[in-house]
PDB file of N, CA and C in Angstrom:
ATOM      1  N   MET A   1       0.863  -1.171   0.000  1.00  0.00           N
ATOM      2  CA  MET A   1       0.000   0.000   0.000  1.00  0.00           C
ATOM      3  C   MET A   1       0.908   1.232   0.000  1.00  0.00           C
ATOM      4  N   ASN A   2       0.641   2.164  -0.944  1.00  0.00           N
ATOM      5  CA  ASN A   2       1.476   3.358  -0.980  1.00  0.00           C
ATOM      6  C   ASN A   2       0.918   4.436  -0.064  1.00  0.00           C
ATOM      7  N   ALA A   3       1.698   5.478   0.141  1.00  0.00           N
ATOM      8  CA  ALA A   3       1.326   6.540   1.083  1.00  0.00           C
ATOM      9  C   ALA A   3       0.038   7.237   0.675  1.00  0.00           C
ATOM     10  N   GLU A   4      -0.160   7.421  -0.626  1.00  0.00           N
ATOM     11  CA  GLU A   4      -1.371   8.114  -1.089  1.00  0.00           C
ATOM     12  C   GLU A   4      -2.624   7.327  -0.753  1.00  0.00           C
ATOM     13  N   SER A   5      -2.617   6.029  -0.989  1.00  0.00           N
ATOM     14  CA  SER A   5      -3.809   5.236  -0.678  1.00  0.00           C
ATOM     15  C   SER A   5      -4.015   5.121   0.828  1.00  0.00           C
ATOM     16  N   LEU A   6      -2.930   5.079   1.591  1.00  0.00           N
ATOM     17  CA  LEU A   6      -3.043   5.061   3.045  1.00  0.00           C
ATOM     18  C   LEU A   6      -3.671   6.361   3.537  1.00  0.00           C
ATOM     19  N   ALA A   7      -3.190   7.491   3.040  1.00  0.00           N
ATOM     20  CA  ALA A   7      -3.743   8.793   3.439  1.00  0.00           C
ATOM     21  C   ALA A   7      -5.208   8.897   3.038  1.00  0.00           C
ATOM     22  N   ARG A   8      -5.539   8.450   1.840  1.00  0.00           N
ATOM     23  CA  ARG A   8      -6.932   8.510   1.389  1.00  0.00           C
ATOM     24  C   ARG A   8      -7.816   7.679   2.314  1.00  0.00           C
ATOM     25  N   GLY A   9      -7.355   6.508   2.700  1.00  0.00           N
ATOM     26  CA  GLY A   9      -8.128   5.658   3.602  1.00  0.00           C
ATOM     27  C   GLY A   9      -8.345   6.300   4.961  1.00  0.00           C
ATOM     28  N   ILE A  10      -7.345   6.987   5.448  1.00  0.00           N
ATOM     29  CA  ILE A  10      -7.466   7.639   6.750  1.00  0.00           C
ATOM     30  C   ILE A  10      -8.440   8.801   6.682  1.00  0.00           C
ATOM     31  N   TYR A  11      -8.307   9.629   5.664  1.00  0.00           N
ATOM     32  CA  TYR A  11      -9.104  10.851   5.616  1.00  0.00           C
ATOM     33  C   TYR A  11     -10.507  10.648   5.068  1.00  0.00           C
ATOM     34  N   GLN A  12     -10.775   9.533   4.415  1.00  0.00           N
ATOM     35  CA  GLN A  12     -12.129   9.270   3.952  1.00  0.00           C
ATOM     36  C   GLN A  12     -13.053   8.983   5.117  1.00  0.00           C
ATOM     37  N   ASN A  13     -12.527   8.409   6.165  1.00  0.00           N
ATOM     38  CA  ASN A  13     -13.336   8.087   7.328  1.00  0.00           C
ATOM     39  C   ASN A  13     -12.581   8.516   8.582  1.00  0.00           C
ATOM     40  N   PRO A  14     -12.496   9.838   8.819  1.00  0.00           N
ATOM     41  CA  PRO A  14     -11.660  10.324   9.920  1.00  0.00           C
ATOM     42  C   PRO A  14     -12.129   9.891  11.302  1.00  0.00           C
ATOM     43  N   ASP A  15     -13.400   9.603  11.460  1.00  0.00           N
ATOM     44  CA  ASP A  15     -13.895   9.219  12.784  1.00  0.00           C
ATOM     45  C   ASP A  15     -13.273   7.929  13.290  1.00  0.00           C
ATOM     46  N   THR A  16     -12.890   7.059  12.373  1.00  0.00           N
ATOM     47  CA  THR A  16     -12.311   5.803  12.813  1.00  0.00           C
ATOM     48  C   THR A  16     -10.812   5.921  13.074  1.00  0.00           C
ATOM     49  N   HIS A  17     -10.189   6.990  12.592  1.00  0.00           N
ATOM     50  CA  HIS A  17      -8.746   7.115  12.728  1.00  0.00           C
ATOM     51  C   HIS A  17      -8.300   8.290  13.603  1.00  0.00           C
ATOM     52  N   LEU A  18      -9.108   9.303  13.651  1.00  0.00           N
ATOM     53  CA  LEU A  18      -8.746  10.475  14.441  1.00  0.00           C
ATOM     54  C   LEU A  18      -9.727  10.627  15.579  1.00  0.00           C
ATOM     55  N   ARG A  19      -9.218  11.005  16.735  1.00  0.00           N
ATOM     56  CA  ARG A  19     -10.090  11.167  17.891  1.00  0.00           C
ATOM     57  C   ARG A  19     -10.021  12.595  18.357  1.00  0.00           C
ATOM     58  N   ASP A  20     -11.063  12.996  19.024  1.00  0.00           N
ATOM     59  CA  ASP A  20     -11.039  14.358  19.533  1.00  0.00           C
ATOM     60  C   ASP A  20      -9.943  14.502  20.581  1.00  0.00           C
ATOM     61  N   LEU A  21      -9.497  15.710  20.759  1.00  0.00           N
ATOM     62  CA  LEU A  21      -8.374  15.972  21.662  1.00  0.00           C
ATOM     63  C   LEU A  21      -8.672  15.547  23.093  1.00  0.00           C
ATOM     64  N   ARG A  22      -9.878  15.802  23.545  1.00  0.00           N
ATOM     65  CA  ARG A  22     -10.231  15.396  24.923  1.00  0.00           C
ATOM     66  C   ARG A  22     -10.123  13.890  25.098  1.00  0.00           C
ATOM     67  N   GLY A  23     -10.576  13.151  24.116  1.00  0.00           N
ATOM     68  CA  GLY A  23     -10.482  11.692  24.182  1.00  0.00           C
ATOM     69  C   GLY A  23      -9.039  11.228  24.203  1.00  0.00           C
ATOM     70  N   LEU A  24      -8.206  11.868  23.413  1.00  0.00           N
ATOM     71  CA  LEU A  24      -6.791  11.523  23.397  1.00  0.00           C
ATOM     72  C   LEU A  24      -6.147  11.854  24.742  1.00  0.00           C
ATOM     73  N   GLU A  25      -6.429  13.036  25.280  1.00  0.00           N
ATOM     74  CA  GLU A  25      -5.889  13.408  26.589  1.00  0.00           C
ATOM     75  C   GLU A  25      -6.356  12.426  27.656  1.00  0.00           C
ATOM     76  N   TYR A  26      -7.623  12.052  27.597  1.00  0.00           N
ATOM     77  CA  TYR A  26      -8.166  11.087  28.561  1.00  0.00           C
ATOM     78  C   TYR A  26      -7.396   9.769  28.484  1.00  0.00           C
ATOM     79  N   ASP A  27      -7.217   9.264  27.260  1.00  0.00           N
ATOM     80  CA  ASP A  27      -6.541   7.983  27.089  1.00  0.00           C
ATOM     81  C   ASP A  27      -5.096   8.033  27.579  1.00  0.00           C
ATOM     82  N   LEU A  28      -4.408   9.128  27.301  1.00  0.00           N
ATOM     83  CA  LEU A  28      -3.026   9.260  27.765  1.00  0.00           C
ATOM     84  C   LEU A  28      -2.959   9.310  29.289  1.00  0.00           C
ATOM     85  N   LEU A  29      -3.871  10.060  29.895  1.00  0.00           N
ATOM     86  CA  LEU A  29      -3.925  10.103  31.359  1.00  0.00           C
ATOM     87  C   LEU A  29      -4.260   8.728  31.929  1.00  0.00           C
ATOM     88  N   ALA A  30      -5.163   8.012  31.284  1.00  0.00           N
ATOM     89  CA  ALA A  30      -5.538   6.676  31.754  1.00  0.00           C
ATOM     90  C   ALA A  30      -4.337   5.730  31.712  1.00  0.00           C
ATOM     91  N   ARG A  31      -3.543   5.810  30.652  1.00  0.00           N
ATOM     92  CA  ARG A  31      -2.352   4.962  30.553  1.00  0.00           C
ATOM     93  C   ARG A  31      -1.357   5.288  31.662  1.00  0.00           C
ATOM     94  N   CYS A  32      -1.126   6.581  31.860  1.00  0.00           N
ATOM     95  CA  CYS A  32      -0.187   6.998  32.910  1.00  0.00           C
ATOM     96  C   CYS A  32      -0.688   6.559  34.285  1.00  0.00           C
ATOM     97  N   THR A  33      -1.971   6.736  34.530  1.00  0.00           N
ATOM     98  CA  THR A  33      -2.556   6.386  35.816  1.00  0.00           C
ATOM     99  C   THR A  33      -2.448   4.889  36.065  1.00  0.00           C
ATOM    100  N   SER A  34      -2.731   4.106  35.048  1.00  0.00           N
ATOM    101  CA  SER A  34      -2.615   2.656  35.162  1.00  0.00           C
ATOM    102  C   SER A  34      -1.170   2.252  35.457  1.00  0.00           C
ATOM    103  N   ALA A  35      -0.231   2.878  34.780  1.00  0.00           N
ATOM    104  CA  ALA A  35       1.184   2.573  35.006  1.00  0.00           C
ATOM    105  C   ALA A  35       1.614   2.980  36.417  1.00  0.00           C
ATOM    106  N   LEU A  36       1.122   4.117  36.892  1.00  0.00           N
ATOM    107  CA  LEU A  36       1.453   4.557  38.255  1.00  0.00           C
ATOM    108  C   LEU A  36       0.913   3.564  39.284  1.00  0.00           C
ATOM    109  N   ARG A  37      -0.317   3.114  39.078  1.00  0.00           N
ATOM    110  CA  ARG A  37      -0.901   2.133  40.003  1.00  0.00           C
ATOM    111  C   ARG A  37      -0.104   0.833  39.984  1.00  0.00           C
ATOM    112  N   ALA A  38       0.207   0.359  38.790  1.00  0.00           N
ATOM    113  CA  ALA A  38       0.940  -0.902  38.667  1.00  0.00           C
ATOM    114  C   ALA A  38       2.332  -0.782  39.283  1.00  0.00           C
ATOM    115  N   GLY A  39       2.989   0.340  39.045  1.00  0.00           N
ATOM    116  CA  GLY A  39       4.328   0.536  39.574  1.00  0.00           C
ATOM    117  C   GLY A  39       4.370   0.723  41.077  1.00  0.00           C
ATOM    118  N   SER A  40       3.231   1.058  41.667  1.00  0.00           N
ATOM    119  CA  SER A  40       3.157   1.300  43.108  1.00  0.00           C
ATOM    120  C   SER A  40       2.840   0.043  43.917  1.00  0.00           C
ATOM    121  N   ARG A  41       2.529  -1.037  43.238  1.00  0.00           N
ATOM    122  CA  ARG A  41       2.180  -2.271  43.959  1.00  0.00           C
ATOM    123  C   ARG A  41       3.386  -2.835  44.695  1.00  0.00           C
ATOM    124  N   ASP A  42       3.101  -3.461  45.808  1.00  0.00           N
ATOM    125  CA  ASP A  42       4.152  -4.126  46.576  1.00  0.00           C
ATOM    126  C   ASP A  42       4.798  -5.216  45.723  1.00  0.00           C
ATOM    127  N   GLY A  43       6.099  -5.303  45.836  1.00  0.00           N
ATOM    128  CA  GLY A  43       6.826  -6.348  45.129  1.00  0.00           C
ATOM    129  C   GLY A  43       7.207  -6.006  43.704  1.00  0.00           C
ATOM    130  N   VAL A  44       6.714  -4.887  43.183  1.00  0.00           N
ATOM    131  CA  VAL A  44       7.046  -4.478  41.816  1.00  0.00           C
ATOM    132  C   VAL A  44       8.380  -3.735  41.866  1.00  0.00           C
ATOM    133  N   PRO A  45       9.295  -4.030  40.953  1.00  0.00           N
ATOM    134  CA  PRO A  45      10.586  -3.335  40.964  1.00  0.00           C
ATOM    135  C   PRO A  45      10.412  -1.810  40.872  1.00  0.00           C
ATOM    136  N   PHE A  46      11.257  -1.091  41.585  1.00  0.00           N
ATOM    137  CA  PHE A  46      11.184   0.362  41.618  1.00  0.00           C
ATOM    138  C   PHE A  46      11.317   0.956  40.212  1.00  0.00           C
ATOM    139  N   ALA A  47      12.054   0.288  39.356  1.00  0.00           N
ATOM    140  CA  ALA A  47      12.231   0.786  37.986  1.00  0.00           C
ATOM    141  C   ALA A  47      10.888   0.940  37.265  1.00  0.00           C
ATOM    142  N   SER A  48       9.922   0.083  37.574  1.00  0.00           N
ATOM    143  CA  SER A  48       8.591   0.199  36.957  1.00  0.00           C
ATOM    144  C   SER A  48       7.906   1.490  37.383  1.00  0.00           C
ATOM    145  N   LEU A  49       8.020   1.811  38.656  1.00  0.00           N
ATOM    146  CA  LEU A  49       7.440   3.055  39.152  1.00  0.00           C
ATOM    147  C   LEU A  49       8.172   4.254  38.555  1.00  0.00           C
ATOM    148  N   ALA A  50       9.484   4.171  38.460  1.00  0.00           N
ATOM    149  CA  ALA A  50      10.262   5.277  37.882  1.00  0.00           C
ATOM    150  C   ALA A  50       9.858   5.520  36.431  1.00  0.00           C
ATOM    151  N   ARG A  51       9.638   4.454  35.671  1.00  0.00           N
ATOM    152  CA  ARG A  51       9.188   4.618  34.273  1.00  0.00           C
ATOM    153  C   ARG A  51       7.806   5.242  34.218  1.00  0.00           C
ATOM    154  N   ALA A  52       6.920   4.828  35.110  1.00  0.00           N
ATOM    155  CA  ALA A  52       5.566   5.390  35.154  1.00  0.00           C
ATOM    156  C   ALA A  52       5.614   6.876  35.517  1.00  0.00           C
ATOM    157  N   LEU A  53       6.464   7.217  36.466  1.00  0.00           N
ATOM    158  CA  LEU A  53       6.607   8.627  36.851  1.00  0.00           C
ATOM    159  C   LEU A  53       7.137   9.444  35.685  1.00  0.00           C
ATOM    160  N   ASP A  54       8.112   8.895  34.962  1.00  0.00           N
ATOM    161  CA  ASP A  54       8.656   9.598  33.804  1.00  0.00           C
ATOM    162  C   ASP A  54       7.588   9.813  32.733  1.00  0.00           C
ATOM    163  N   MET A  55       6.817   8.772  32.452  1.00  0.00           N
ATOM    164  CA  MET A  55       5.756   8.881  31.457  1.00  0.00           C
ATOM    165  C   MET A  55       4.735   9.945  31.879  1.00  0.00           C
ATOM    166  N   ASN A  56       4.361   9.933  33.143  1.00  0.00           N
ATOM    167  CA  ASN A  56       3.395  10.896  33.658  1.00  0.00           C
ATOM    168  C   ASN A  56       3.955  12.321  33.572  1.00  0.00           C
ATOM    169  N   MET A  57       5.229  12.472  33.920  1.00  0.00           N
ATOM    170  CA  MET A  57       5.859  13.792  33.864  1.00  0.00           C
ATOM    171  C   MET A  57       5.930  14.307  32.432  1.00  0.00           C
ATOM    172  N   ARG A  58       6.231  13.445  31.498  1.00  0.00           N
ATOM    173  CA  ARG A  58       6.281  13.868  30.089  1.00  0.00           C
ATOM    174  C   ARG A  58       4.907  14.359  29.631  1.00  0.00           C
ATOM    175  N   LEU A  59       3.876  13.660  30.036  1.00  0.00           N
ATOM    176  CA  LEU A  59       2.533  14.075  29.666  1.00  0.00           C
ATOM    177  C   LEU A  59       2.192  15.428  30.280  1.00  0.00           C
ATOM    178  N   TRP A  60       2.458  15.576  31.579  1.00  0.00           N
ATOM    179  CA  TRP A  60       2.150  16.841  32.242  1.00  0.00           C
ATOM    180  C   TRP A  60       3.007  17.986  31.721  1.00  0.00           C
ATOM    181  N   THR A  61       4.222  17.700  31.283  1.00  0.00           N
ATOM    182  CA  THR A  61       5.064  18.732  30.680  1.00  0.00           C
ATOM    183  C   THR A  61       4.458  19.186  29.355  1.00  0.00           C
ATOM    184  N   ALA A  62       3.929  18.253  28.591  1.00  0.00           N
ATOM    185  CA  ALA A  62       3.250  18.619  27.342  1.00  0.00           C
ATOM    186  C   ALA A  62       2.005  19.451  27.634  1.00  0.00           C
ATOM    187  N   PHE A  63       1.253  19.056  28.669  1.00  0.00           N
ATOM    188  CA  PHE A  63       0.088  19.849  29.070  1.00  0.00           C
ATOM    189  C   PHE A  63       0.513  21.269  29.437  1.00  0.00           C
ATOM    190  N   ALA A  64       1.599  21.386  30.221  1.00  0.00           N
ATOM    191  CA  ALA A  64       2.059  22.703  30.667  1.00  0.00           C
ATOM    192  C   ALA A  64       2.466  23.576  29.479  1.00  0.00           C
ATOM    193  N   ALA A  65       3.135  22.987  28.520  1.00  0.00           N
ATOM    194  CA  ALA A  65       3.530  23.751  27.329  1.00  0.00           C
ATOM    195  C   ALA A  65       2.299  24.255  26.589  1.00  0.00           C
ATOM    196  N   ASP A  66       1.293  23.408  26.490  1.00  0.00           N
ATOM    197  CA  ASP A  66       0.056  23.818  25.827  1.00  0.00           C
ATOM    198  C   ASP A  66      -0.665  24.896  26.630  1.00  0.00           C
ATOM    199  N   LEU A  67      -0.675  24.756  27.933  1.00  0.00           N
ATOM    200  CA  LEU A  67      -1.335  25.744  28.798  1.00  0.00           C
ATOM    201  C   LEU A  67      -0.647  27.097  28.710  1.00  0.00           C
ATOM    202  N   ALA A  68       0.670  27.102  28.531  1.00  0.00           N
ATOM    203  CA  ALA A  68       1.431  28.350  28.468  1.00  0.00           C
ATOM    204  C   ALA A  68       1.341  29.018  27.100  1.00  0.00           C
ATOM    205  N   ASP A  69       0.852  28.305  26.113  1.00  0.00           N
ATOM    206  CA  ASP A  69       0.738  28.860  24.765  1.00  0.00           C
ATOM    207  C   ASP A  69      -0.286  29.987  24.747  1.00  0.00           C
ATOM    208  N   PRO A  70       0.081  31.163  24.229  1.00  0.00           N
ATOM    209  CA  PRO A  70      -0.863  32.285  24.184  1.00  0.00           C
ATOM    210  C   PRO A  70      -2.138  31.982  23.383  1.00  0.00           C
ATOM    211  N   GLY A  71      -2.072  31.015  22.486  1.00  0.00           N
ATOM    212  CA  GLY A  71      -3.239  30.656  21.688  1.00  0.00           C
ATOM    213  C   GLY A  71      -4.192  29.694  22.375  1.00  0.00           C
ATOM    214  N   ASN A  72      -3.857  29.255  23.579  1.00  0.00           N
ATOM    215  CA  ASN A  72      -4.718  28.328  24.308  1.00  0.00           C
ATOM    216  C   ASN A  72      -6.020  29.051  24.653  1.00  0.00           C
ATOM    217  N   THR A  73      -7.130  28.434  24.326  1.00  0.00           N
ATOM    218  CA  THR A  73      -8.436  29.081  24.494  1.00  0.00           C
ATOM    219  C   THR A  73      -9.166  28.702  25.775  1.00  0.00           C
ATOM    220  N   LEU A  74      -8.541  27.905  26.634  1.00  0.00           N
ATOM    221  CA  LEU A  74      -9.181  27.600  27.913  1.00  0.00           C
ATOM    222  C   LEU A  74      -9.282  28.878  28.742  1.00  0.00           C
ATOM    223  N   PRO A  75     -10.294  28.975  29.590  1.00  0.00           N
ATOM    224  CA  PRO A  75     -10.382  30.138  30.479  1.00  0.00           C
ATOM    225  C   PRO A  75      -9.120  30.268  31.317  1.00  0.00           C
ATOM    226  N   SER A  76      -8.689  31.495  31.556  1.00  0.00           N
ATOM    227  CA  SER A  76      -7.415  31.722  32.240  1.00  0.00           C
ATOM    228  C   SER A  76      -7.384  31.094  33.635  1.00  0.00           C
ATOM    229  N   GLU A  77      -8.493  31.109  34.351  1.00  0.00           N
ATOM    230  CA  GLU A  77      -8.510  30.508  35.687  1.00  0.00           C
ATOM    231  C   GLU A  77      -8.292  28.998  35.617  1.00  0.00           C
ATOM    232  N   LEU A  78      -8.910  28.344  34.652  1.00  0.00           N
ATOM    233  CA  LEU A  78      -8.724  26.902  34.484  1.00  0.00           C
ATOM    234  C   LEU A  78      -7.283  26.606  34.070  1.00  0.00           C
ATOM    235  N   ARG A  79      -6.740  27.413  33.165  1.00  0.00           N
ATOM    236  CA  ARG A  79      -5.342  27.238  32.763  1.00  0.00           C
ATOM    237  C   ARG A  79      -4.420  27.349  33.976  1.00  0.00           C
ATOM    238  N   ALA A  80      -4.670  28.325  34.836  1.00  0.00           N
ATOM    239  CA  ALA A  80      -3.831  28.522  36.021  1.00  0.00           C
ATOM    240  C   ALA A  80      -3.932  27.323  36.964  1.00  0.00           C
ATOM    241  N   ARG A  81      -5.132  26.806  37.146  1.00  0.00           N
ATOM    242  CA  ARG A  81      -5.311  25.650  38.034  1.00  0.00           C
ATOM    243  C   ARG A  81      -4.616  24.417  37.486  1.00  0.00           C
ATOM    244  N   LEU A  82      -4.744  24.208  36.186  1.00  0.00           N
ATOM    245  CA  LEU A  82      -4.085  23.058  35.570  1.00  0.00           C
ATOM    246  C   LEU A  82      -2.569  23.208  35.612  1.00  0.00           C
ATOM    247  N   PHE A  83      -2.082  24.443  35.432  1.00  0.00           N
ATOM    248  CA  PHE A  83      -0.638  24.660  35.505  1.00  0.00           C
ATOM    249  C   PHE A  83      -0.143  24.395  36.924  1.00  0.00           C
ATOM    250  N   TYR A  84      -0.933  24.756  37.909  1.00  0.00           N
ATOM    251  CA  TYR A  84      -0.564  24.444  39.292  1.00  0.00           C
ATOM    252  C   TYR A  84      -0.462  22.924  39.483  1.00  0.00           C
ATOM    253  N   LEU A  85      -1.394  22.178  38.885  1.00  0.00           N
ATOM    254  CA  LEU A  85      -1.328  20.716  38.991  1.00  0.00           C
ATOM    255  C   LEU A  85      -0.053  20.181  38.349  1.00  0.00           C
ATOM    256  N   TYR A  86       0.368  20.806  37.263  1.00  0.00           N
ATOM    257  CA  TYR A  86       1.644  20.435  36.647  1.00  0.00           C
ATOM    258  C   TYR A  86       2.789  20.659  37.637  1.00  0.00           C
ATOM    259  N   GLU A  87       2.817  21.828  38.249  1.00  0.00           N
ATOM    260  CA  GLU A  87       3.886  22.146  39.197  1.00  0.00           C
ATOM    261  C   GLU A  87       3.877  21.165  40.377  1.00  0.00           C
ATOM    262  N   PHE A  88       2.691  20.861  40.875  1.00  0.00           N
ATOM    263  CA  PHE A  88       2.583  19.896  41.971  1.00  0.00           C
ATOM    264  C   PHE A  88       3.091  18.533  41.520  1.00  0.00           C
ATOM    265  N   THR A  89       2.721  18.134  40.309  1.00  0.00           N
ATOM    266  CA  THR A  89       3.132  16.838  39.781  1.00  0.00           C
ATOM    267  C   THR A  89       4.652  16.741  39.703  1.00  0.00           C
ATOM    268  N   VAL A  90       5.290  17.805  39.252  1.00  0.00           N
ATOM    269  CA  VAL A  90       6.759  17.821  39.181  1.00  0.00           C
ATOM    270  C   VAL A  90       7.348  17.633  40.576  1.00  0.00           C
ATOM    271  N   HIS A  91       6.883  18.431  41.505  1.00  0.00           N
ATOM    272  CA  HIS A  91       7.403  18.383  42.870  1.00  0.00           C
ATOM    273  C   HIS A  91       7.141  17.026  43.527  1.00  0.00           C
ATOM    274  N   HIS A  92       5.909  16.554  43.420  1.00  0.00           N
ATOM    275  CA  HIS A  92       5.544  15.304  44.086  1.00  0.00           C
ATOM    276  C   HIS A  92       6.256  14.106  43.450  1.00  0.00           C
ATOM    277  N   SER A  93       6.448  14.146  42.157  1.00  0.00           N
ATOM    278  CA  SER A  93       7.162  13.051  41.487  1.00  0.00           C
ATOM    279  C   SER A  93       8.580  12.928  42.012  1.00  0.00           C
ATOM    280  N   ARG A  94       9.212  14.054  42.251  1.00  0.00           N
ATOM    281  CA  ARG A  94      10.564  14.030  42.829  1.00  0.00           C
ATOM    282  C   ARG A  94      10.546  13.389  44.224  1.00  0.00           C
ATOM    283  N   LEU A  95       9.532  13.732  45.000  1.00  0.00           N
ATOM    284  CA  LEU A  95       9.419  13.131  46.332  1.00  0.00           C
ATOM    285  C   LEU A  95       9.228  11.627  46.241  1.00  0.00           C
ATOM    286  N   VAL A  96       8.417  11.187  45.299  1.00  0.00           N
ATOM    287  CA  VAL A  96       8.196   9.745  45.118  1.00  0.00           C
ATOM    288  C   VAL A  96       9.500   9.068  44.710  1.00  0.00           C
ATOM    289  N   LEU A  97      10.222   9.670  43.781  1.00  0.00           N
ATOM    290  CA  LEU A  97      11.501   9.094  43.352  1.00  0.00           C
ATOM    291  C   LEU A  97      12.511   9.026  44.491  1.00  0.00           C
ATOM    292  N   ASP A  98      12.436   9.980  45.408  1.00  0.00           N
ATOM    293  CA  ASP A  98      13.334  10.000  46.565  1.00  0.00           C
ATOM    294  C   ASP A  98      12.851   9.110  47.703  1.00  0.00           C
ATOM    295  N   GLY A  99      11.710   8.457  47.522  1.00  0.00           N
ATOM    296  CA  GLY A  99      11.168   7.576  48.551  1.00  0.00           C
ATOM    297  C   GLY A  99      10.521   8.312  49.709  1.00  0.00           C
ATOM    298  N   GLN A 100      10.190   9.588  49.513  1.00  0.00           N
ATOM    299  CA  GLN A 100       9.598  10.393  50.578  1.00  0.00           C
ATOM    300  C   GLN A 100       8.079  10.519  50.462  1.00  0.00           C
ATOM    301  N   ALA A 101       7.496   9.983  49.404  1.00  0.00           N
ATOM    302  CA  ALA A 101       6.041  10.080  49.205  1.00  0.00           C
ATOM    303  C   ALA A 101       5.587   8.907  48.347  1.00  0.00           C
ATOM    304  N   ALA A 102       4.288   8.695  48.328  1.00  0.00           N
ATOM    305  CA  ALA A 102       3.680   7.653  47.492  1.00  0.00           C
ATOM    306  C   ALA A 102       3.086   8.304  46.246  1.00  0.00           C
ATOM    307  N   ALA A 103       2.854   7.511  45.238  1.00  0.00           N
ATOM    308  CA  ALA A 103       2.331   8.011  43.968  1.00  0.00           C
ATOM    309  C   ALA A 103       0.821   8.239  43.994  1.00  0.00           C
ATOM    310  N   GLU A 104       0.167   7.890  45.090  1.00  0.00           N
ATOM    311  CA  GLU A 104      -1.305   7.970  45.150  1.00  0.00           C
ATOM    312  C   GLU A 104      -1.836   9.358  44.818  1.00  0.00           C
ATOM    313  N   ALA A 105      -1.169  10.408  45.265  1.00  0.00           N
ATOM    314  CA  ALA A 105      -1.644  11.771  44.970  1.00  0.00           C
ATOM    315  C   ALA A 105      -1.636  12.032  43.463  1.00  0.00           C
ATOM    316  N   LEU A 106      -0.660  11.493  42.768  1.00  0.00           N
ATOM    317  CA  LEU A 106      -0.593  11.668  41.312  1.00  0.00           C
ATOM    318  C   LEU A 106      -1.724  10.909  40.630  1.00  0.00           C
ATOM    319  N   VAL A 107      -2.029   9.734  41.148  1.00  0.00           N
ATOM    320  CA  VAL A 107      -3.151   8.944  40.626  1.00  0.00           C
ATOM    321  C   VAL A 107      -4.449   9.728  40.825  1.00  0.00           C
ATOM    322  N   GLU A 108      -4.626  10.319  41.995  1.00  0.00           N
ATOM    323  CA  GLU A 108      -5.837  11.091  42.285  1.00  0.00           C
ATOM    324  C   GLU A 108      -5.962  12.313  41.371  1.00  0.00           C
ATOM    325  N   ILE A 109      -4.858  13.001  41.134  1.00  0.00           N
ATOM    326  CA  ILE A 109      -4.884  14.163  40.234  1.00  0.00           C
ATOM    327  C   ILE A 109      -5.287  13.731  38.837  1.00  0.00           C
ATOM    328  N   ASN A 110      -4.620  12.714  38.316  1.00  0.00           N
ATOM    329  CA  ASN A 110      -4.948  12.247  36.973  1.00  0.00           C
ATOM    330  C   ASN A 110      -6.407  11.819  36.873  1.00  0.00           C
ATOM    331  N   THR A 111      -6.877  11.107  37.881  1.00  0.00           N
ATOM    332  CA  THR A 111      -8.262  10.635  37.879  1.00  0.00           C
ATOM    333  C   THR A 111      -9.237  11.812  37.891  1.00  0.00           C
ATOM    334  N   SER A 112      -8.950  12.828  38.671  1.00  0.00           N
ATOM    335  CA  SER A 112      -9.816  14.012  38.706  1.00  0.00           C
ATOM    336  C   SER A 112      -9.850  14.720  37.359  1.00  0.00           C
ATOM    337  N   VAL A 113      -8.696  14.845  36.723  1.00  0.00           N
ATOM    338  CA  VAL A 113      -8.648  15.494  35.409  1.00  0.00           C
ATOM    339  C   VAL A 113      -9.388  14.641  34.383  1.00  0.00           C
ATOM    340  N   MET A 114      -9.254  13.330  34.491  1.00  0.00           N
ATOM    341  CA  MET A 114      -9.979  12.443  33.579  1.00  0.00           C
ATOM    342  C   MET A 114     -11.488  12.630  33.741  1.00  0.00           C
ATOM    343  N   ARG A 115     -11.946  12.772  34.980  1.00  0.00           N
ATOM    344  CA  ARG A 115     -13.379  13.015  35.206  1.00  0.00           C
ATOM    345  C   ARG A 115     -13.801  14.327  34.546  1.00  0.00           C
ATOM    346  N   GLY A 116     -12.970  15.347  34.698  1.00  0.00           N
ATOM    347  CA  GLY A 116     -13.262  16.631  34.067  1.00  0.00           C
ATOM    348  C   GLY A 116     -13.330  16.535  32.548  1.00  0.00           C
ATOM    349  N   LEU A 117     -12.442  15.757  31.972  1.00  0.00           N
ATOM    350  CA  LEU A 117     -12.455  15.577  30.521  1.00  0.00           C
ATOM    351  C   LEU A 117     -13.717  14.857  30.059  1.00  0.00           C
ATOM    352  N   ARG A 118     -14.262  14.024  30.905  1.00  0.00           N
ATOM    353  CA  ARG A 118     -15.490  13.304  30.579  1.00  0.00           C
ATOM    354  C   ARG A 118     -16.740  14.093  30.959  1.00  0.00           C
ATOM    355  N   GLY A 119     -16.528  15.251  31.607  1.00  0.00           N
ATOM    356  CA  GLY A 119     -17.672  16.077  31.975  1.00  0.00           C
ATOM    357  C   GLY A 119     -18.335  15.636  33.249  1.00  0.00           C
ATOM    358  N   VAL A 120     -17.646  14.836  34.050  1.00  0.00           N
ATOM    359  CA  VAL A 120     -18.185  14.374  35.318  1.00  0.00           C
ATOM    360  C   VAL A 120     -17.793  15.394  36.393  1.00  0.00           C
ATOM    361  N   ALA A 121     -18.751  15.803  37.195  1.00  0.00           N
ATOM    362  CA  ALA A 121     -18.474  16.775  38.251  1.00  0.00           C
ATOM    363  C   ALA A 121     -17.480  16.203  39.237  1.00  0.00           C
ATOM    364  N   VAL A 122     -16.507  17.023  39.589  1.00  0.00           N
ATOM    365  CA  VAL A 122     -15.495  16.633  40.574  1.00  0.00           C
ATOM    366  C   VAL A 122     -15.900  17.210  41.908  1.00  0.00           C
ATOM    367  N   GLU A 123     -15.959  16.342  42.915  1.00  0.00           N
ATOM    368  CA  GLU A 123     -16.384  16.780  44.246  1.00  0.00           C
ATOM    369  C   GLU A 123     -15.272  17.486  44.969  1.00  0.00           C
TER     370      GLU A 123
END
């Protein structure tokens, strides 16, 4: 299959190949959250948790870059709150890597943001 026919197949039915941004963000957060939970289990090598923390940090760094972009159309208050979550994630991840904290707070943050992406009220 050549590139032209592949591109035509993708763009003829974009719903099956492209997802809305919220859905993509949700899925990425879900993967990170699952990895954080798995890496936090007793008996799991620390390297698994370190990889999960790295993956989560990369995602939150991408979120922060998007939030800082002047073209971002989210309300400024929401952008500020999400950027604060990024800063907390950076700080808390370091504590987890140093053995001074557990990853549960990061799981809770990701889960709350996932609820927001799905339109579920966060208590």
